[in-house]
Amino acid sequence: MESLEVVRGLVAAGRPTAWSRGYPPAVRERVATYMLARLSRGDQPSHIASDLGISRHSVLAWTKARPVGPAGPRLVPVVIDAGACLPAPAVAGAVLPPASSPGRSTPLTLVSPRGFRLEWLTVDAAADLLGRLG
């Protein structure tokens, strides 16, 4: 564990010049490591923050922001299983080809993270749309 003086020096050197900038990530990481070591010895968060010259809230937020395990992939593979699709609701005036027609695919529904829906897409149309969106 680093000494109090070393960590206090890092905090002083990394102190932001403007309130909105915040401390550099490297400083937050080393303070969080120091804080966790002291917490494991039974020290109180408010005493540690006072020793370092920063707010208790900042130190607690930095320790909670640490990842618990290894980071997983941001993108995951998607498998399209036409057999698992639910029957589509009837739409007035819509004429859809049967899914079993040669050269046709089962209609898809894309739902964005914010809830925007695109319905009745073919796999090719969905791939084209996703390619255009980047």
C-alpha atoms as a PDB file:
ATOM      1  CA  MET A   1       0.000   0.000   0.000  1.00  0.00           C
ATOM      2  CA  GLU A   2       1.228   3.453  -0.883  1.00  0.00           C
ATOM      3  CA  SER A   3       1.868   5.900   1.930  1.00  0.00           C
ATOM      4  CA  LEU A   4      -0.575   8.630   2.849  1.00  0.00           C
ATOM      5  CA  GLU A   5       1.927  11.288   1.779  1.00  0.00           C
ATOM      6  CA  VAL A   6       2.325   9.796  -1.708  1.00  0.00           C
ATOM      7  CA  VAL A   7      -1.427   9.557  -2.299  1.00  0.00           C
ATOM      8  CA  ARG A   8      -2.007  13.024  -0.832  1.00  0.00           C
ATOM      9  CA  GLY A   9       0.633  14.351  -3.256  1.00  0.00           C
ATOM     10  CA  LEU A  10      -1.131  12.675  -6.187  1.00  0.00           C
ATOM     11  CA  VAL A  11      -4.418  14.248  -5.133  1.00  0.00           C
ATOM     12  CA  ALA A  12      -2.817  17.696  -4.854  1.00  0.00           C
ATOM     13  CA  ALA A  13      -1.059  17.356  -8.228  1.00  0.00           C
ATOM     14  CA  GLY A  14      -4.191  16.073  -9.952  1.00  0.00           C
ATOM     15  CA  ARG A  15      -6.569  18.606  -8.445  1.00  0.00           C
ATOM     16  CA  PRO A  16      -8.679  19.987 -11.296  1.00  0.00           C
ATOM     17  CA  THR A  17      -8.271  23.619 -12.264  1.00  0.00           C
ATOM     18  CA  ALA A  18     -12.010  23.893 -12.968  1.00  0.00           C
ATOM     19  CA  TRP A  19     -14.783  22.230 -10.981  1.00  0.00           C
ATOM     20  CA  SER A  20     -16.287  20.568 -14.052  1.00  0.00           C
ATOM     21  CA  ARG A  21     -13.054  18.834 -15.095  1.00  0.00           C
ATOM     22  CA  GLY A  22     -12.707  16.363 -12.242  1.00  0.00           C
ATOM     23  CA  TYR A  23      -9.642  14.393 -11.221  1.00  0.00           C
ATOM     24  CA  PRO A  24      -7.717  12.384 -13.823  1.00  0.00           C
ATOM     25  CA  PRO A  25      -8.679   8.680 -14.019  1.00  0.00           C
ATOM     26  CA  ALA A  26      -5.181   7.590 -12.922  1.00  0.00           C
ATOM     27  CA  VAL A  27      -5.484   9.617  -9.706  1.00  0.00           C
ATOM     28  CA  ARG A  28      -8.972   8.275  -9.009  1.00  0.00           C
ATOM     29  CA  GLU A  29      -7.754   4.700  -9.522  1.00  0.00           C
ATOM     30  CA  ARG A  30      -4.802   5.050  -7.133  1.00  0.00           C
ATOM     31  CA  VAL A  31      -6.927   6.809  -4.507  1.00  0.00           C
ATOM     32  CA  ALA A  32      -9.539   4.039  -4.794  1.00  0.00           C
ATOM     33  CA  THR A  33      -6.843   1.374  -4.315  1.00  0.00           C
ATOM     34  CA  TYR A  34      -5.504   3.227  -1.271  1.00  0.00           C
ATOM     35  CA  MET A  35      -9.007   3.700   0.128  1.00  0.00           C
ATOM     36  CA  LEU A  36      -9.900   0.007  -0.253  1.00  0.00           C
ATOM     37  CA  ALA A  37      -6.695  -0.995   1.527  1.00  0.00           C
ATOM     38  CA  ARG A  38      -7.488   1.315   4.437  1.00  0.00           C
ATOM     39  CA  LEU A  39     -11.124   0.220   4.568  1.00  0.00           C
ATOM     40  CA  SER A  40      -9.975  -3.390   4.842  1.00  0.00           C
ATOM     41  CA  ARG A  41      -7.988  -2.348   7.945  1.00  0.00           C
ATOM     42  CA  GLY A  42     -11.172  -0.905   9.465  1.00  0.00           C
ATOM     43  CA  ASP A  43     -10.624   2.824   8.860  1.00  0.00           C
ATOM     44  CA  GLN A  44     -13.698   5.016   8.378  1.00  0.00           C
ATOM     45  CA  PRO A  45     -14.319   6.542   4.901  1.00  0.00           C
ATOM     46  CA  SER A  46     -14.720  10.054   6.343  1.00  0.00           C
ATOM     47  CA  HIS A  47     -11.333   9.804   8.118  1.00  0.00           C
ATOM     48  CA  ILE A  48      -9.592   8.590   4.971  1.00  0.00           C
ATOM     49  CA  ALA A  49     -11.148  11.347   2.857  1.00  0.00           C
ATOM     50  CA  SER A  50     -10.161  13.938   5.460  1.00  0.00           C
ATOM     51  CA  ASP A  51      -6.579  12.626   5.479  1.00  0.00           C
ATOM     52  CA  LEU A  52      -6.450  12.960   1.688  1.00  0.00           C
ATOM     53  CA  GLY A  53      -8.102  16.391   1.584  1.00  0.00           C
ATOM     54  CA  ILE A  54     -11.024  15.395  -0.636  1.00  0.00           C
ATOM     55  CA  SER A  55     -14.699  14.812  -0.039  1.00  0.00           C
ATOM     56  CA  ARG A  56     -15.991  11.542   1.362  1.00  0.00           C
ATOM     57  CA  HIS A  57     -18.502  11.400  -1.477  1.00  0.00           C
ATOM     58  CA  SER A  58     -15.756  11.521  -4.139  1.00  0.00           C
ATOM     59  CA  VAL A  59     -13.716   8.762  -2.555  1.00  0.00           C
ATOM     60  CA  LEU A  60     -16.740   6.492  -2.091  1.00  0.00           C
ATOM     61  CA  ALA A  61     -17.865   7.112  -5.674  1.00  0.00           C
ATOM     62  CA  TRP A  62     -14.396   6.251  -6.988  1.00  0.00           C
ATOM     63  CA  THR A  63     -14.307   2.976  -5.078  1.00  0.00           C
ATOM     64  CA  LYS A  64     -17.806   1.993  -6.230  1.00  0.00           C
ATOM     65  CA  ALA A  65     -16.992   2.795  -9.856  1.00  0.00           C
ATOM     66  CA  ARG A  66     -14.302   0.104  -9.967  1.00  0.00           C
ATOM     67  CA  PRO A  67     -15.214  -2.913 -12.077  1.00  0.00           C
ATOM     68  CA  VAL A  68     -15.807  -6.054 -10.042  1.00  0.00           C
ATOM     69  CA  GLY A  69     -14.862  -8.603 -12.686  1.00  0.00           C
ATOM     70  CA  PRO A  70     -13.353  -8.712 -16.140  1.00  0.00           C
ATOM     71  CA  ALA A  71     -15.104  -6.572 -18.700  1.00  0.00           C
ATOM     72  CA  GLY A  72     -17.244  -8.545 -21.100  1.00  0.00           C
ATOM     73  CA  PRO A  73     -17.571  -7.917 -24.810  1.00  0.00           C
ATOM     74  CA  ARG A  74     -19.593  -4.901 -25.833  1.00  0.00           C
ATOM     75  CA  LEU A  75     -21.002  -6.682 -28.859  1.00  0.00           C
ATOM     76  CA  VAL A  76     -22.441 -10.155 -28.703  1.00  0.00           C
ATOM     77  CA  PRO A  77     -23.238 -12.494 -31.570  1.00  0.00           C
ATOM     78  CA  VAL A  78     -26.874 -12.665 -32.643  1.00  0.00           C
ATOM     79  CA  VAL A  79     -28.441 -15.794 -34.092  1.00  0.00           C
ATOM     80  CA  ILE A  80     -31.688 -15.465 -36.022  1.00  0.00           C
ATOM     81  CA  ASP A  81     -33.942 -18.434 -35.407  1.00  0.00           C
ATOM     82  CA  ALA A  82     -37.026 -18.238 -37.619  1.00  0.00           C
ATOM     83  CA  GLY A  83     -38.644 -21.062 -35.644  1.00  0.00           C
ATOM     84  CA  ALA A  84     -38.574 -18.996 -32.455  1.00  0.00           C
ATOM     85  CA  CYS A  85     -40.452 -16.012 -33.937  1.00  0.00           C
ATOM     86  CA  LEU A  86     -43.886 -15.251 -32.593  1.00  0.00           C
ATOM     87  CA  PRO A  87     -46.715 -14.866 -35.093  1.00  0.00           C
ATOM     88  CA  ALA A  88     -46.982 -11.290 -36.320  1.00  0.00           C
ATOM     89  CA  PRO A  89     -50.122  -9.322 -35.467  1.00  0.00           C
ATOM     90  CA  ALA A  90     -52.548  -8.679 -38.271  1.00  0.00           C
ATOM     91  CA  VAL A  91     -52.109  -5.283 -39.880  1.00  0.00           C
ATOM     92  CA  ALA A  92     -55.076  -3.812 -41.770  1.00  0.00           C
ATOM     93  CA  GLY A  93     -54.419  -3.846 -45.500  1.00  0.00           C
ATOM     94  CA  ALA A  94     -51.028  -5.593 -45.222  1.00  0.00           C
ATOM     95  CA  VAL A  95     -50.379  -8.503 -47.506  1.00  0.00           C
ATOM     96  CA  LEU A  96     -47.343 -10.486 -46.501  1.00  0.00           C
ATOM     97  CA  PRO A  97     -45.894 -13.418 -48.389  1.00  0.00           C
ATOM     98  CA  PRO A  98     -45.858 -16.686 -46.481  1.00  0.00           C
ATOM     99  CA  ALA A  99     -42.595 -17.330 -44.657  1.00  0.00           C
ATOM    100  CA  SER A 100     -42.189 -20.631 -46.453  1.00  0.00           C
ATOM    101  CA  SER A 101     -42.126 -19.044 -49.944  1.00  0.00           C
ATOM    102  CA  PRO A 102     -38.901 -19.664 -51.850  1.00  0.00           C
ATOM    103  CA  GLY A 103     -36.517 -16.695 -51.578  1.00  0.00           C
ATOM    104  CA  ARG A 104     -38.549 -15.107 -48.765  1.00  0.00           C
ATOM    105  CA  SER A 105     -37.583 -14.783 -45.126  1.00  0.00           C
ATOM    106  CA  THR A 106     -39.596 -14.366 -41.958  1.00  0.00           C
ATOM    107  CA  PRO A 107     -40.342 -10.671 -41.214  1.00  0.00           C
ATOM    108  CA  LEU A 108     -38.226  -9.184 -38.426  1.00  0.00           C
ATOM    109  CA  THR A 109     -38.813  -6.438 -35.900  1.00  0.00           C
ATOM    110  CA  LEU A 110     -35.898  -4.237 -34.850  1.00  0.00           C
ATOM    111  CA  VAL A 111     -36.213  -2.399 -31.541  1.00  0.00           C
ATOM    112  CA  SER A 112     -33.681   0.329 -30.701  1.00  0.00           C
ATOM    113  CA  PRO A 113     -32.332   0.776 -27.168  1.00  0.00           C
ATOM    114  CA  ARG A 114     -34.690   3.757 -26.804  1.00  0.00           C
ATOM    115  CA  GLY A 115     -37.726   1.761 -27.937  1.00  0.00           C
ATOM    116  CA  PHE A 116     -38.007   2.852 -31.577  1.00  0.00           C
ATOM    117  CA  ARG A 117     -39.506  -0.060 -33.563  1.00  0.00           C
ATOM    118  CA  LEU A 118     -39.129  -1.077 -37.206  1.00  0.00           C
ATOM    119  CA  GLU A 119     -41.444  -3.932 -38.098  1.00  0.00           C
ATOM    120  CA  TRP A 120     -41.920  -6.300 -41.042  1.00  0.00           C
ATOM    121  CA  LEU A 121     -38.293  -6.183 -42.211  1.00  0.00           C
ATOM    122  CA  THR A 122     -36.654  -8.966 -44.136  1.00  0.00           C
ATOM    123  CA  VAL A 123     -33.215 -10.130 -43.051  1.00  0.00           C
ATOM    124  CA  ASP A 124     -31.730  -8.419 -46.139  1.00  0.00           C
ATOM    125  CA  ALA A 125     -33.562  -5.142 -45.402  1.00  0.00           C
ATOM    126  CA  ALA A 126     -32.481  -5.244 -41.754  1.00  0.00           C
ATOM    127  CA  ALA A 127     -28.847  -5.903 -42.750  1.00  0.00           C
ATOM    128  CA  ASP A 128     -28.985  -3.053 -45.288  1.00  0.00           C
ATOM    129  CA  LEU A 129     -30.484  -0.671 -42.719  1.00  0.00           C
ATOM    130  CA  LEU A 130     -27.927  -1.583 -40.063  1.00  0.00           C
ATOM    131  CA  GLY A 131     -25.136  -1.158 -42.646  1.00  0.00           C
ATOM    132  CA  ARG A 132     -26.369   2.341 -43.501  1.00  0.00           C
ATOM    133  CA  LEU A 133     -26.618   3.319 -39.842  1.00  0.00           C
ATOM    134  CA  GLY A 134     -23.055   2.175 -39.246  1.00  0.00           C
END
